[in-house]
Protein backbone atom coordinates (compact mmCIF):
# COMPACT_ATOMS: atom_id res chain seq x y z
CA MET A 1 -34.62 72.68 -248.56
CA GLN A 2 -31.45 74.69 -248.23
CA LEU A 3 -30.96 76.18 -244.97
CA VAL A 4 -28.25 79.40 -245.04
CA LEU A 5 -27.13 81.00 -241.95
CA THR A 6 -26.25 84.29 -240.91
CA LEU A 7 -23.03 84.62 -238.82
CA LYS A 8 -20.65 87.31 -238.41
CA TYR A 9 -22.15 89.75 -241.29
CA THR A 10 -21.69 87.09 -243.86
CA ILE A 11 -24.34 84.33 -245.44
CA MET A 12 -23.34 80.91 -245.62
CA THR A 13 -25.02 77.85 -246.54
CA LYS A 14 -24.90 75.04 -244.10
CA GLN A 15 -21.65 73.61 -246.81
CA GLU A 16 -20.05 76.49 -246.63
CA LEU A 17 -20.04 77.12 -242.91
CA GLU A 18 -18.79 73.30 -242.05
CA ASN A 19 -16.18 74.09 -243.93
CA ASN A 20 -14.95 77.31 -242.41
CA MET A 21 -15.49 76.05 -239.50
CA THR A 22 -12.86 73.14 -240.50
CA LYS A 23 -10.27 76.02 -241.57
CA VAL A 24 -10.60 77.32 -238.11
CA ALA A 25 -10.84 74.43 -235.68
CA GLY A 26 -7.93 72.52 -238.53
CA ILE A 27 -10.10 69.16 -238.26
CA PRO A 28 -13.81 67.60 -239.44
CA VAL A 29 -16.53 69.78 -238.44
CA GLU A 30 -19.95 68.71 -238.56
CA ILE A 31 -22.91 71.19 -237.67
CA THR A 32 -25.99 69.90 -237.41
CA VAL A 33 -29.96 72.72 -236.97
CA ARG A 34 -30.90 71.67 -234.18
CA GLY A 35 -33.43 74.79 -234.48
CA LYS A 36 -33.91 77.80 -236.77
CA ARG A 37 -31.44 79.37 -234.15
CA SER A 38 -29.90 76.85 -232.50
CA PHE A 39 -26.61 74.62 -233.91
CA THR A 40 -23.90 72.30 -232.26
CA PHE A 41 -20.81 72.26 -234.43
CA SER A 42 -18.52 68.54 -233.12
CA PHE A 43 -16.02 66.65 -234.29
CA GLU A 44 -14.18 63.07 -233.87
CA GLY A 45 -11.74 63.13 -230.64
CA LYS A 46 -11.21 64.83 -227.31
CA ASN A 47 -9.80 67.87 -229.16
CA GLU A 48 -10.05 71.21 -227.20
CA THR A 49 -7.67 73.03 -228.55
CA ALA A 50 -10.04 72.94 -232.17
CA ALA A 51 -12.96 73.46 -229.69
CA LYS A 52 -11.76 76.82 -228.29
CA LYS A 53 -10.86 77.49 -231.07
CA ILE A 54 -14.85 77.54 -232.99
CA GLN A 55 -15.19 79.93 -229.31
CA GLN A 56 -13.05 82.22 -230.33
CA TYR A 57 -14.33 82.33 -233.80
CA PHE A 58 -18.09 83.30 -232.48
CA ALA A 59 -16.78 85.59 -229.52
CA PRO A 60 -18.55 87.04 -228.25
CA VAL A 61 -21.17 84.78 -228.45
CA SER A 62 -21.21 81.84 -225.81
CA LEU A 63 -20.78 77.97 -226.23
CA GLU A 64 -20.42 75.55 -224.36
CA TYR A 65 -19.72 72.03 -225.24
CA ASP A 66 -18.98 68.98 -223.94
CA TYR A 67 -17.20 66.31 -224.59
CA ASP A 68 -19.03 62.49 -224.98
CA GLU A 69 -16.58 59.76 -224.08
CA GLU A 70 -18.47 56.95 -225.00
CA CYS A 71 -18.87 58.42 -228.66
CA ASP A 72 -15.52 60.32 -229.26
CA LEU A 73 -17.54 63.15 -229.96
CA ILE A 74 -16.89 67.53 -229.16
CA CYS A 75 -20.24 68.70 -229.86
CA LEU A 76 -20.49 73.11 -229.24
CA TYR A 77 -23.97 74.68 -228.73
CA MET A 78 -24.96 77.49 -230.38
CA ASN A 79 -28.35 79.24 -229.44
CA LEU A 80 -29.20 82.54 -231.16
């Protein structure tokens, strides 16, 4: 099964979106599909600058994020 997302009026596969978000954030970004309209963008380390770049990319859609110190990951949550 191949996931195809439509964001910012562009149709992308999951891999294409991960590659695009990696370019936006400047660090490797992984996407987890949580449901039909729910996604998590995650990356290693506490990099609030990268998190803000992803938030700005999807504005005005609001993405909340948190840092998991135990795993050393930031996760941004998107619900469409």
